[in-house]
N, C-alpha and C. Protein backbone atom coordinates (compact mmCIF):
# COMPACT_ATOMS: atom_id res chain seq x y z
N MET A 1 -173.23 -43.92 -49.09
CA MET A 1 -174.14 -44.95 -49.39
C MET A 1 -174.84 -44.76 -50.82
N ILE A 2 -173.92 -44.32 -51.82
CA ILE A 2 -174.64 -44.15 -53.04
C ILE A 2 -175.14 -45.44 -53.82
N GLY A 3 -174.47 -46.34 -53.51
CA GLY A 3 -174.87 -47.57 -54.46
C GLY A 3 -175.79 -48.73 -53.84
N GLU A 4 -176.59 -48.34 -52.69
CA GLU A 4 -177.53 -48.95 -52.34
C GLU A 4 -178.98 -48.56 -52.39
N ILE A 5 -179.96 -49.22 -52.51
CA ILE A 5 -181.39 -48.69 -52.43
C ILE A 5 -181.93 -48.71 -50.98
N ASP A 6 -182.35 -47.68 -50.64
CA ASP A 6 -183.03 -47.66 -49.35
C ASP A 6 -184.69 -47.79 -49.44
N VAL A 7 -184.70 -49.09 -48.43
CA VAL A 7 -185.95 -49.62 -48.36
C VAL A 7 -186.66 -49.37 -46.80
N TYR A 8 -187.13 -48.09 -46.69
CA TYR A 8 -187.71 -47.82 -45.33
C TYR A 8 -186.50 -47.88 -44.26
N GLY A 9 -185.30 -47.30 -44.63
CA GLY A 9 -184.06 -47.43 -43.65
C GLY A 9 -183.22 -48.55 -44.03
N LEU A 10 -183.77 -49.49 -44.56
CA LEU A 10 -182.88 -50.53 -44.71
C LEU A 10 -181.97 -50.56 -46.04
N PHE A 11 -180.72 -50.38 -45.84
CA PHE A 11 -180.15 -50.51 -47.41
C PHE A 11 -179.83 -51.88 -47.63
N VAL A 12 -180.07 -51.74 -49.15
CA VAL A 12 -180.16 -53.22 -49.73
C VAL A 12 -179.31 -53.20 -51.01
N PRO A 13 -178.59 -53.84 -51.25
CA PRO A 13 -177.73 -53.77 -52.49
C PRO A 13 -178.56 -54.19 -53.68
N PRO A 14 -178.20 -53.20 -54.66
CA PRO A 14 -179.12 -53.51 -56.00
C PRO A 14 -179.04 -55.04 -56.51
N LEU A 15 -177.67 -55.56 -56.24
CA LEU A 15 -177.81 -56.88 -56.95
C LEU A 15 -178.77 -58.00 -56.27
N LEU A 16 -179.19 -57.61 -55.00
CA LEU A 16 -180.23 -58.54 -54.22
C LEU A 16 -181.54 -58.09 -54.86
N VAL A 17 -181.77 -56.98 -55.05
CA VAL A 17 -183.07 -56.47 -55.71
C VAL A 17 -183.09 -57.26 -57.24
N LEU A 18 -182.11 -57.00 -57.77
CA LEU A 18 -182.18 -57.80 -59.29
C LEU A 18 -182.26 -59.40 -59.16
N ALA A 19 -181.56 -59.79 -58.15
CA ALA A 19 -181.83 -61.44 -57.82
C ALA A 19 -182.95 -61.95 -57.61
N VAL A 20 -183.78 -61.11 -57.01
CA VAL A 20 -185.27 -61.46 -56.44
C VAL A 20 -186.13 -61.21 -58.08
N VAL A 21 -185.89 -60.07 -58.61
CA VAL A 21 -186.81 -59.85 -59.83
C VAL A 21 -186.48 -60.94 -60.84
N ALA A 22 -185.02 -61.38 -60.94
CA ALA A 22 -184.71 -62.37 -61.91
C ALA A 22 -185.27 -63.85 -61.66
N TRP A 23 -185.45 -63.71 -60.23
CA TRP A 23 -186.01 -65.18 -59.92
C TRP A 23 -187.53 -65.16 -60.42
N ALA A 24 -188.19 -63.97 -60.11
CA ALA A 24 -189.68 -64.10 -60.53
C ALA A 24 -189.87 -64.10 -62.24
N VAL A 25 -188.82 -63.42 -62.75
CA VAL A 25 -188.80 -63.58 -64.26
C VAL A 25 -188.84 -64.76 -64.90
N SER A 26 -187.69 -65.44 -64.39
CA SER A 26 -187.23 -66.83 -64.69
C SER A 26 -188.35 -67.75 -64.37
N ALA A 27 -189.09 -67.65 -63.33
CA ALA A 27 -190.39 -68.43 -62.83
C ALA A 27 -191.20 -68.32 -63.76
N LEU A 28 -191.65 -67.11 -64.36
CA LEU A 28 -192.62 -66.88 -65.45
C LEU A 28 -192.01 -67.56 -66.50
N LEU A 29 -191.07 -67.62 -67.05
CA LEU A 29 -190.32 -67.85 -68.25
C LEU A 29 -190.64 -69.60 -68.18
N ARG A 30 -190.06 -70.22 -66.97
CA ARG A 30 -190.13 -71.60 -66.85
C ARG A 30 -191.74 -72.02 -66.97
N ARG A 31 -192.73 -71.44 -66.28
CA ARG A 31 -194.11 -71.81 -66.53
C ARG A 31 -194.28 -71.83 -67.92
N GLY A 32 -193.97 -70.60 -68.73
CA GLY A 32 -194.28 -70.72 -70.02
C GLY A 32 -193.80 -71.57 -70.93
N LEU A 33 -192.37 -72.06 -70.45
CA LEU A 33 -191.92 -72.90 -71.46
C LEU A 33 -192.41 -74.34 -71.20
N ARG A 34 -192.84 -74.75 -69.99
CA ARG A 34 -193.37 -75.99 -69.66
C ARG A 34 -194.82 -75.90 -70.43
N ALA A 35 -195.32 -74.86 -70.25
CA ALA A 35 -196.88 -74.93 -70.88
C ALA A 35 -196.73 -75.29 -72.59
N VAL A 36 -195.66 -74.80 -73.14
CA VAL A 36 -195.57 -75.02 -74.71
C VAL A 36 -194.93 -76.27 -74.83
N GLY A 37 -194.27 -77.04 -73.91
CA GLY A 37 -193.66 -78.23 -74.21
C GLY A 37 -192.22 -78.29 -74.52
N ALA A 38 -191.35 -77.01 -74.30
CA ALA A 38 -190.21 -76.83 -74.54
C ALA A 38 -189.27 -77.70 -73.70
N TYR A 39 -189.73 -78.07 -72.69
CA TYR A 39 -189.00 -78.89 -71.69
C TYR A 39 -188.71 -80.32 -72.37
N GLY A 40 -189.51 -80.57 -73.35
CA GLY A 40 -189.01 -82.23 -74.13
C GLY A 40 -187.62 -82.14 -74.82
N TRP A 41 -187.45 -80.82 -75.07
CA TRP A 41 -186.12 -80.75 -75.87
C TRP A 41 -184.82 -80.71 -75.04
N VAL A 42 -185.01 -80.50 -73.51
CA VAL A 42 -184.18 -80.18 -72.71
C VAL A 42 -183.43 -81.26 -72.10
N TRP A 43 -182.28 -81.47 -72.22
CA TRP A 43 -181.31 -82.68 -71.57
C TRP A 43 -181.57 -82.72 -70.04
N HIS A 44 -181.37 -81.51 -69.49
CA HIS A 44 -181.33 -81.66 -67.93
C HIS A 44 -181.87 -80.42 -67.48
N PRO A 45 -183.14 -80.51 -66.95
CA PRO A 45 -184.07 -79.40 -66.62
C PRO A 45 -183.68 -78.36 -65.81
N PRO A 46 -182.94 -78.96 -64.40
CA PRO A 46 -182.36 -78.01 -63.38
C PRO A 46 -181.16 -77.39 -63.81
N LEU A 47 -180.47 -77.88 -64.82
CA LEU A 47 -179.41 -77.11 -65.24
C LEU A 47 -179.91 -76.21 -66.29
N PHE A 48 -180.71 -76.37 -67.04
CA PHE A 48 -181.48 -75.42 -67.91
C PHE A 48 -182.10 -74.34 -67.11
N ASP A 49 -182.71 -74.77 -66.14
CA ASP A 49 -183.59 -73.56 -65.30
C ASP A 49 -182.39 -72.60 -64.88
N PHE A 50 -181.26 -73.21 -64.31
CA PHE A 50 -180.21 -72.39 -63.81
C PHE A 50 -179.74 -71.50 -64.38
N ALA A 51 -179.40 -72.03 -65.79
CA ALA A 51 -178.81 -71.16 -67.06
C ALA A 51 -179.93 -69.90 -67.54
N LEU A 52 -181.10 -70.36 -67.23
CA LEU A 52 -182.17 -69.46 -67.48
C LEU A 52 -181.86 -68.19 -66.56
N TYR A 53 -181.84 -68.60 -65.28
CA TYR A 53 -181.68 -67.61 -64.17
C TYR A 53 -180.74 -66.74 -64.42
N VAL A 54 -179.41 -67.50 -64.83
CA VAL A 54 -178.20 -66.52 -64.80
C VAL A 54 -178.45 -65.65 -66.25
N LEU A 55 -178.85 -66.05 -67.25
CA LEU A 55 -179.18 -65.11 -68.33
C LEU A 55 -180.12 -64.07 -67.91
N VAL A 56 -181.12 -64.17 -67.26
CA VAL A 56 -182.27 -63.24 -66.70
C VAL A 56 -181.54 -62.00 -65.91
N LEU A 57 -180.62 -62.87 -65.08
CA LEU A 57 -180.08 -61.78 -64.14
C LEU A 57 -178.86 -60.99 -64.66
N SER A 58 -178.14 -61.49 -65.61
CA SER A 58 -176.96 -60.89 -66.19
C SER A 58 -177.73 -59.80 -67.09
N GLY A 59 -178.72 -60.23 -67.88
CA GLY A 59 -179.58 -59.10 -68.66
C GLY A 59 -180.07 -58.01 -67.69
N LEU A 60 -180.71 -58.08 -66.56
CA LEU A 60 -181.41 -57.31 -65.84
C LEU A 60 -180.11 -56.26 -65.22
N ALA A 61 -179.09 -57.11 -65.01
CA ALA A 61 -177.67 -56.22 -64.42
C ALA A 61 -177.49 -55.20 -65.38
N GLY A 62 -177.34 -55.75 -66.70
CA GLY A 62 -176.84 -55.05 -67.85
C GLY A 62 -177.71 -53.79 -68.28
N LEU A 63 -178.94 -53.96 -68.14
CA LEU A 63 -180.20 -53.03 -68.10
C LEU A 63 -179.81 -51.97 -67.03
N TRP A 64 -179.64 -52.62 -65.81
CA TRP A 64 -179.58 -51.96 -64.66
C TRP A 64 -178.37 -50.68 -64.68
N SER A 65 -177.15 -51.39 -65.16
CA SER A 65 -175.96 -50.74 -65.42
C SER A 65 -176.18 -49.61 -66.64
N ALA A 66 -176.78 -49.90 -67.68
CA ALA A 66 -177.19 -48.78 -68.53
C ALA A 66 -178.14 -47.75 -68.20
N TRP A 67 -179.03 -48.20 -67.21
CA TRP A 67 -180.06 -47.04 -66.92
C TRP A 67 -179.37 -46.44 -65.96
N THR A 68 -178.76 -46.51 -65.20
CA THR A 68 -178.12 -45.78 -64.10
C THR A 68 -176.70 -44.90 -64.25
N THR A 69 -176.21 -45.19 -65.39
CA THR A 69 -175.06 -44.50 -65.83
C THR A 69 -175.42 -43.22 -66.96
């Protein structure tokens, strides 16, 4: 079980941890973008939010991959 993270005896896949962290980071980014009024330029806010989440998750996965190798 090398590829999993041990949380008090519960083995969790790293992608699940990264997905939760990406959700928190993208929530902070969405709040910041709404505060500065960037959503006035966005055509479809839910689609933009999903794309932002995917970008943050892929960035974190890339950082995780570079850090663990």
